[in-house]
């Protein structure tokens, strides 16, 4: 498995084990300080634009925003596909809506770019085709 693939596995192991708190404990080991993350949801869970979260503070904000919308949740990796300086992660995401209590499950594709042993960018897509296009760009 590529270095980026191993970093992604560490990321999701932490997320599934303890959410944002666990992920932020390994932030300096896995992420570049300027890491950028774009979830698939439009905006900050309801705003008009798709948000980009930057750095440690951005990831703290992402998990805060996420906690307002969802109670818990896990991401289970199905496969990791190399794509140049990126990896495409095919995964199943599960969560429970905080207000509704409804279970939300979906297949997603994530692209993570790595440089110098750290993840520099991550983006979530609802289709593998869109993820592959982004990885080639």
N, C-alpha and C. Protein backbone atom coordinates (compact mmCIF):
# COMPACT_ATOMS: atom_id res chain seq x y z
N UNK A 1 0.85 -1.18 0.00
CA UNK A 1 0.00 0.00 0.00
C UNK A 1 0.89 1.24 0.00
N UNK A 2 0.45 2.25 -0.70
CA UNK A 2 1.21 3.50 -0.79
C UNK A 2 1.22 4.23 0.55
N UNK A 3 2.15 5.16 0.64
CA UNK A 3 2.23 5.98 1.85
C UNK A 3 0.92 6.74 2.09
N UNK A 4 0.36 7.31 1.02
CA UNK A 4 -0.90 8.03 1.16
C UNK A 4 -2.01 7.08 1.62
N UNK A 5 -2.02 5.87 1.10
CA UNK A 5 -3.02 4.88 1.52
C UNK A 5 -2.90 4.55 3.00
N UNK A 6 -1.67 4.42 3.49
CA UNK A 6 -1.46 4.13 4.92
C UNK A 6 -1.90 5.32 5.78
N UNK A 7 -1.62 6.53 5.34
CA UNK A 7 -2.07 7.72 6.09
C UNK A 7 -3.59 7.77 6.16
N UNK A 8 -4.24 7.44 5.06
CA UNK A 8 -5.70 7.43 5.02
C UNK A 8 -6.26 6.37 5.98
N UNK A 9 -5.65 5.21 6.01
CA UNK A 9 -6.10 4.17 6.94
C UNK A 9 -5.97 4.65 8.39
N UNK A 10 -4.88 5.30 8.71
CA UNK A 10 -4.71 5.85 10.07
C UNK A 10 -5.78 6.89 10.38
N UNK A 11 -6.07 7.74 9.39
CA UNK A 11 -7.10 8.77 9.54
C UNK A 11 -8.45 8.14 9.88
N UNK A 12 -8.88 7.15 9.10
CA UNK A 12 -10.20 6.56 9.33
C UNK A 12 -10.24 5.66 10.55
N UNK A 13 -9.13 5.01 10.89
CA UNK A 13 -9.09 4.26 12.14
C UNK A 13 -9.34 5.20 13.32
N UNK A 14 -8.69 6.36 13.31
CA UNK A 14 -8.89 7.33 14.39
C UNK A 14 -10.32 7.87 14.38
N UNK A 15 -10.83 8.24 13.21
CA UNK A 15 -12.20 8.76 13.10
C UNK A 15 -13.20 7.76 13.66
N UNK A 16 -13.07 6.49 13.29
CA UNK A 16 -14.01 5.47 13.73
C UNK A 16 -13.85 5.13 15.22
N UNK A 17 -12.67 5.28 15.73
CA UNK A 17 -12.39 4.98 17.13
C UNK A 17 -12.89 6.08 18.06
N UNK A 18 -12.71 7.34 17.67
CA UNK A 18 -13.05 8.41 18.60
C UNK A 18 -13.42 9.73 17.96
N UNK A 19 -13.83 9.71 16.69
CA UNK A 19 -14.28 10.93 16.05
C UNK A 19 -13.20 11.99 15.95
N UNK A 20 -13.64 13.23 16.02
CA UNK A 20 -12.74 14.36 15.86
C UNK A 20 -11.64 14.42 16.90
N UNK A 21 -11.95 14.06 18.14
CA UNK A 21 -10.93 14.11 19.19
C UNK A 21 -9.76 13.18 18.86
N UNK A 22 -10.08 11.95 18.47
CA UNK A 22 -9.03 10.99 18.13
C UNK A 22 -8.27 11.43 16.89
N UNK A 23 -8.97 11.94 15.90
CA UNK A 23 -8.32 12.38 14.68
C UNK A 23 -7.38 13.55 14.95
N UNK A 24 -7.81 14.48 15.75
CA UNK A 24 -6.96 15.65 16.03
C UNK A 24 -5.74 15.29 16.85
N UNK A 25 -5.79 14.20 17.60
CA UNK A 25 -4.61 13.76 18.35
C UNK A 25 -3.47 13.34 17.43
N UNK A 26 -3.81 12.86 16.24
CA UNK A 26 -2.75 12.47 15.32
C UNK A 26 -2.57 13.45 14.17
N UNK A 27 -3.20 14.61 14.27
CA UNK A 27 -3.16 15.59 13.18
C UNK A 27 -1.73 15.85 12.71
N UNK A 28 -0.82 16.16 13.62
CA UNK A 28 0.55 16.52 13.24
C UNK A 28 1.31 15.38 12.57
N UNK A 29 0.92 14.13 12.85
CA UNK A 29 1.59 12.98 12.24
C UNK A 29 1.07 12.66 10.85
N UNK A 30 -0.18 12.99 10.58
CA UNK A 30 -0.83 12.56 9.35
C UNK A 30 -1.04 13.70 8.36
N UNK A 31 -1.31 14.89 8.87
CA UNK A 31 -1.71 16.01 8.01
C UNK A 31 -0.64 17.09 7.91
N UNK A 32 -0.51 17.67 6.75
CA UNK A 32 0.27 18.88 6.56
C UNK A 32 -0.43 20.01 7.33
N UNK A 33 0.31 20.96 7.90
CA UNK A 33 -0.35 22.05 8.64
C UNK A 33 -1.38 22.82 7.81
N UNK A 34 -1.21 22.88 6.49
CA UNK A 34 -2.14 23.59 5.63
C UNK A 34 -3.19 22.69 4.99
N UNK A 35 -3.37 21.48 5.53
CA UNK A 35 -4.33 20.52 4.98
C UNK A 35 -5.67 21.17 4.68
N UNK A 36 -6.24 20.83 3.51
CA UNK A 36 -7.56 21.33 3.11
C UNK A 36 -8.50 20.16 2.91
N UNK A 37 -9.72 20.29 3.45
CA UNK A 37 -10.72 19.24 3.35
C UNK A 37 -12.03 19.81 2.85
N UNK A 38 -12.60 19.15 1.83
CA UNK A 38 -13.90 19.55 1.26
C UNK A 38 -14.86 18.37 1.35
N UNK A 39 -15.80 18.40 2.29
CA UNK A 39 -16.79 17.33 2.36
C UNK A 39 -17.75 17.40 1.17
N UNK A 40 -18.51 16.34 0.97
CA UNK A 40 -19.44 16.29 -0.16
C UNK A 40 -20.69 17.12 0.09
N UNK A 41 -21.02 17.31 1.35
CA UNK A 41 -22.23 18.08 1.64
C UNK A 41 -22.06 19.49 1.14
N UNK A 42 -23.14 20.07 0.69
CA UNK A 42 -23.10 21.44 0.22
C UNK A 42 -23.01 22.34 1.44
N UNK A 43 -21.93 23.07 1.51
CA UNK A 43 -21.77 24.04 2.59
C UNK A 43 -21.50 23.40 3.93
N UNK A 44 -21.53 24.24 4.91
CA UNK A 44 -21.29 23.81 6.28
C UNK A 44 -22.61 23.25 6.81
N UNK A 45 -22.95 22.06 6.30
CA UNK A 45 -24.17 21.38 6.70
C UNK A 45 -25.38 22.29 6.64
N UNK A 46 -25.57 22.89 5.45
CA UNK A 46 -26.78 23.66 5.23
C UNK A 46 -26.57 25.03 4.63
N UNK A 47 -25.35 25.52 4.54
CA UNK A 47 -25.14 26.83 3.92
C UNK A 47 -25.20 26.70 2.40
N UNK A 48 -25.17 27.82 1.73
CA UNK A 48 -25.38 27.84 0.28
C UNK A 48 -24.19 27.33 -0.52
N UNK A 49 -22.98 27.34 0.03
CA UNK A 49 -21.79 26.95 -0.72
C UNK A 49 -21.11 25.76 -0.07
N UNK A 50 -20.40 25.01 -0.89
CA UNK A 50 -19.60 23.90 -0.39
C UNK A 50 -18.39 24.48 0.34
N UNK A 51 -18.15 24.02 1.55
CA UNK A 51 -17.09 24.60 2.38
C UNK A 51 -15.77 23.88 2.21
N UNK A 52 -14.70 24.62 2.45
CA UNK A 52 -13.36 24.05 2.55
C UNK A 52 -12.86 24.34 3.96
N UNK A 53 -12.40 23.31 4.63
CA UNK A 53 -11.86 23.43 5.98
C UNK A 53 -10.34 23.35 5.89
N UNK A 54 -9.64 24.30 6.51
CA UNK A 54 -8.19 24.38 6.37
C UNK A 54 -7.47 24.24 7.71
N UNK A 55 -6.41 23.41 7.69
CA UNK A 55 -5.55 23.26 8.86
C UNK A 55 -6.24 22.61 10.04
N UNK A 56 -5.53 22.60 11.17
CA UNK A 56 -6.07 22.01 12.40
C UNK A 56 -7.35 22.70 12.83
N UNK A 57 -7.35 24.02 12.79
CA UNK A 57 -8.55 24.76 13.19
C UNK A 57 -9.72 24.44 12.28
N UNK A 58 -9.45 24.28 11.01
CA UNK A 58 -10.50 23.91 10.07
C UNK A 58 -11.09 22.54 10.38
N UNK A 59 -10.23 21.58 10.70
CA UNK A 59 -10.73 20.25 11.03
C UNK A 59 -11.50 20.26 12.35
N UNK A 60 -11.07 21.07 13.30
CA UNK A 60 -11.85 21.23 14.53
C UNK A 60 -13.23 21.78 14.20
N UNK A 61 -13.29 22.77 13.32
CA UNK A 61 -14.57 23.36 12.92
C UNK A 61 -15.42 22.34 12.16
N UNK A 62 -14.79 21.57 11.29
CA UNK A 62 -15.53 20.55 10.55
C UNK A 62 -16.21 19.58 11.52
N UNK A 63 -15.47 19.09 12.50
CA UNK A 63 -16.06 18.13 13.44
C UNK A 63 -17.12 18.79 14.31
N UNK A 64 -16.96 20.06 14.62
CA UNK A 64 -18.01 20.78 15.35
C UNK A 64 -19.26 20.88 14.49
N UNK A 65 -19.11 21.30 13.22
CA UNK A 65 -20.23 21.41 12.30
C UNK A 65 -20.90 20.05 12.11
N UNK A 66 -20.09 19.03 11.96
CA UNK A 66 -20.60 17.69 11.76
C UNK A 66 -21.41 17.22 12.97
N UNK A 67 -20.91 17.51 14.16
CA UNK A 67 -21.60 17.09 15.39
C UNK A 67 -22.95 17.78 15.54
N UNK A 68 -23.10 18.95 14.96
CA UNK A 68 -24.41 19.61 15.02
C UNK A 68 -25.43 18.89 14.15
N UNK A 69 -24.97 18.23 13.08
CA UNK A 69 -25.87 17.55 12.15
C UNK A 69 -26.02 16.06 12.44
N UNK A 70 -24.94 15.43 12.93
CA UNK A 70 -24.94 13.98 13.08
C UNK A 70 -24.49 13.56 14.47
N UNK A 71 -25.04 12.44 14.91
CA UNK A 71 -24.62 11.82 16.16
C UNK A 71 -23.73 10.63 15.79
N UNK A 72 -22.43 10.80 15.97
CA UNK A 72 -21.49 9.73 15.65
C UNK A 72 -21.36 9.51 14.16
N UNK A 73 -20.90 8.33 13.82
CA UNK A 73 -20.72 7.96 12.43
C UNK A 73 -19.37 7.31 12.19
N UNK A 74 -19.32 6.48 11.18
CA UNK A 74 -18.09 5.79 10.82
C UNK A 74 -17.92 5.80 9.31
N UNK A 75 -16.69 5.62 8.88
CA UNK A 75 -16.36 5.48 7.47
C UNK A 75 -15.55 4.19 7.33
N UNK A 76 -16.09 3.24 6.55
CA UNK A 76 -15.43 1.96 6.36
C UNK A 76 -14.87 1.87 4.95
N UNK A 77 -13.55 1.74 4.87
CA UNK A 77 -12.86 1.67 3.59
C UNK A 77 -13.17 0.34 2.92
N UNK A 78 -13.59 0.42 1.66
CA UNK A 78 -13.81 -0.79 0.86
C UNK A 78 -12.60 -1.09 -0.01
N UNK A 79 -11.98 -0.03 -0.54
CA UNK A 79 -10.77 -0.21 -1.35
C UNK A 79 -10.06 1.12 -1.47
N UNK A 80 -8.77 1.02 -1.78
CA UNK A 80 -7.93 2.20 -2.01
C UNK A 80 -7.27 2.02 -3.36
N UNK A 81 -7.45 3.02 -4.21
CA UNK A 81 -6.98 2.97 -5.59
C UNK A 81 -5.90 4.04 -5.79
N UNK A 82 -4.69 3.66 -6.20
CA UNK A 82 -3.66 4.66 -6.46
C UNK A 82 -4.05 5.52 -7.66
N UNK A 83 -3.69 6.81 -7.59
CA UNK A 83 -4.01 7.74 -8.69
C UNK A 83 -2.94 8.83 -8.72
N UNK A 84 -1.76 8.49 -9.20
CA UNK A 84 -0.67 9.47 -9.25
C UNK A 84 -0.21 9.84 -7.85
N UNK A 85 -0.23 11.14 -7.54
CA UNK A 85 0.18 11.58 -6.21
C UNK A 85 -0.99 11.57 -5.22
N UNK A 86 -2.08 10.92 -5.64
CA UNK A 86 -3.28 10.84 -4.80
C UNK A 86 -3.69 9.38 -4.65
N UNK A 87 -4.66 9.17 -3.76
CA UNK A 87 -5.33 7.89 -3.66
C UNK A 87 -6.83 8.16 -3.68
N UNK A 88 -7.56 7.24 -4.30
CA UNK A 88 -9.01 7.30 -4.30
C UNK A 88 -9.50 6.23 -3.34
N UNK A 89 -10.27 6.63 -2.37
CA UNK A 89 -10.78 5.73 -1.35
C UNK A 89 -12.26 5.49 -1.61
N UNK A 90 -12.61 4.25 -1.79
CA UNK A 90 -14.02 3.87 -1.93
C UNK A 90 -14.47 3.40 -0.56
N UNK A 91 -15.54 4.01 -0.04
CA UNK A 91 -15.92 3.74 1.34
C UNK A 91 -17.43 3.79 1.53
N UNK A 92 -17.85 3.28 2.65
CA UNK A 92 -19.25 3.34 3.09
C UNK A 92 -19.28 4.22 4.34
N UNK A 93 -20.06 5.28 4.29
CA UNK A 93 -20.20 6.22 5.40
C UNK A 93 -21.54 5.99 6.08
N UNK A 94 -21.52 5.93 7.40
CA UNK A 94 -22.75 5.78 8.18
C UNK A 94 -22.78 6.83 9.28
N UNK A 95 -23.96 7.29 9.59
CA UNK A 95 -24.15 8.26 10.69
C UNK A 95 -25.63 8.24 11.08
N UNK A 96 -25.94 8.92 12.15
CA UNK A 96 -27.32 9.07 12.60
C UNK A 96 -27.61 10.56 12.68
N UNK A 97 -28.69 10.98 12.06
CA UNK A 97 -29.09 12.38 12.10
C UNK A 97 -29.39 12.80 13.53
N UNK A 98 -28.80 13.90 13.95
CA UNK A 98 -28.97 14.35 15.33
C UNK A 98 -30.43 14.71 15.61
N UNK A 99 -31.07 15.45 14.74
CA UNK A 99 -32.45 15.89 14.98
C UNK A 99 -33.45 14.78 14.71
N UNK A 100 -33.26 14.04 13.62
CA UNK A 100 -34.25 13.05 13.20
C UNK A 100 -34.04 11.67 13.81
N UNK A 101 -32.78 11.36 14.14
CA UNK A 101 -32.47 10.02 14.61
C UNK A 101 -32.38 9.01 13.48
N UNK A 102 -32.59 9.46 12.25
CA UNK A 102 -32.56 8.56 11.09
C UNK A 102 -31.12 8.15 10.77
N UNK A 103 -30.96 6.90 10.39
CA UNK A 103 -29.66 6.41 9.96
C UNK A 103 -29.40 6.86 8.53
N UNK A 104 -28.21 7.38 8.32
CA UNK A 104 -27.78 7.83 7.00
C UNK A 104 -26.62 6.94 6.58
N UNK A 105 -26.76 6.28 5.45
CA UNK A 105 -25.69 5.43 4.91
C UNK A 105 -25.52 5.75 3.44
N UNK A 106 -24.27 5.88 3.02
CA UNK A 106 -24.03 6.10 1.59
C UNK A 106 -22.63 5.65 1.22
N UNK A 107 -22.52 5.24 -0.04
CA UNK A 107 -21.21 4.93 -0.61
C UNK A 107 -20.63 6.24 -1.10
N UNK A 108 -19.38 6.46 -0.77
CA UNK A 108 -18.70 7.69 -1.17
C UNK A 108 -17.33 7.35 -1.75
N UNK A 109 -16.77 8.30 -2.46
CA UNK A 109 -15.41 8.20 -2.97
C UNK A 109 -14.68 9.44 -2.48
N UNK A 110 -13.53 9.23 -1.90
CA UNK A 110 -12.72 10.33 -1.38
C UNK A 110 -11.38 10.34 -2.10
N UNK A 111 -10.86 11.51 -2.34
CA UNK A 111 -9.53 11.62 -2.92
C UNK A 111 -8.66 12.34 -1.90
N UNK A 112 -7.50 11.75 -1.63
CA UNK A 112 -6.52 12.37 -0.73
C UNK A 112 -5.20 12.50 -1.47
N UNK A 113 -4.62 13.69 -1.39
CA UNK A 113 -3.32 13.97 -1.97
C UNK A 113 -2.30 14.05 -0.85
N UNK A 114 -1.12 13.47 -1.09
CA UNK A 114 -0.06 13.47 -0.09
C UNK A 114 1.21 14.09 -0.68
N UNK A 115 1.99 14.67 0.21
CA UNK A 115 3.29 15.23 -0.16
C UNK A 115 4.17 15.19 1.07
N UNK A 116 5.40 14.74 0.90
CA UNK A 116 6.39 14.71 1.98
C UNK A 116 5.87 13.98 3.22
N UNK A 117 5.17 12.87 3.01
CA UNK A 117 4.74 12.03 4.12
C UNK A 117 3.54 12.52 4.90
N UNK A 118 2.82 13.48 4.34
CA UNK A 118 1.62 13.99 5.03
C UNK A 118 0.51 14.23 3.99
N UNK A 119 -0.73 14.13 4.47
CA UNK A 119 -1.86 14.45 3.61
C UNK A 119 -1.98 15.96 3.49
N UNK A 120 -2.11 16.46 2.26
CA UNK A 120 -2.21 17.90 2.04
C UNK A 120 -3.61 18.34 1.65
N UNK A 121 -4.40 17.39 1.15
CA UNK A 121 -5.75 17.76 0.70
C UNK A 121 -6.62 16.52 0.66
N UNK A 122 -7.90 16.71 0.97
CA UNK A 122 -8.88 15.63 0.87
C UNK A 122 -10.20 16.19 0.37
N UNK A 123 -10.88 15.41 -0.46
CA UNK A 123 -12.15 15.86 -0.99
C UNK A 123 -13.07 14.65 -1.12
N UNK A 124 -14.34 14.84 -0.77
CA UNK A 124 -15.33 13.76 -0.79
C UNK A 124 -16.24 13.94 -2.00
N UNK A 125 -16.52 12.83 -2.66
CA UNK A 125 -17.39 12.82 -3.83
C UNK A 125 -18.47 11.77 -3.66
N UNK A 126 -19.57 11.99 -4.32
CA UNK A 126 -20.66 11.01 -4.26
C UNK A 126 -20.52 9.94 -5.35
N UNK A 127 -19.60 10.13 -6.29
CA UNK A 127 -19.40 9.12 -7.33
C UNK A 127 -17.91 8.87 -7.55
N UNK A 128 -17.60 7.63 -7.90
CA UNK A 128 -16.23 7.27 -8.20
C UNK A 128 -15.73 8.00 -9.44
N UNK A 129 -16.63 8.21 -10.41
CA UNK A 129 -16.25 8.92 -11.64
C UNK A 129 -15.77 10.34 -11.32
N UNK A 130 -16.52 11.05 -10.47
CA UNK A 130 -16.13 12.41 -10.09
C UNK A 130 -14.80 12.40 -9.33
N UNK A 131 -14.60 11.39 -8.48
CA UNK A 131 -13.35 11.30 -7.73
C UNK A 131 -12.17 11.07 -8.68
N UNK A 132 -12.35 10.19 -9.65
CA UNK A 132 -11.28 9.93 -10.61
C UNK A 132 -10.94 11.17 -11.44
N UNK A 133 -11.96 11.91 -11.83
CA UNK A 133 -11.72 13.16 -12.58
C UNK A 133 -10.92 14.13 -11.72
N UNK A 134 -11.27 14.27 -10.46
CA UNK A 134 -10.57 15.20 -9.57
C UNK A 134 -9.12 14.74 -9.35
N UNK A 135 -8.91 13.46 -9.23
CA UNK A 135 -7.55 12.94 -9.01
C UNK A 135 -6.66 13.19 -10.21
N UNK A 136 -7.24 13.20 -11.41
CA UNK A 136 -6.46 13.45 -12.63
C UNK A 136 -6.19 14.92 -12.85
N UNK A 137 -6.98 15.80 -12.27
CA UNK A 137 -6.85 17.24 -12.51
C UNK A 137 -5.59 17.81 -11.90
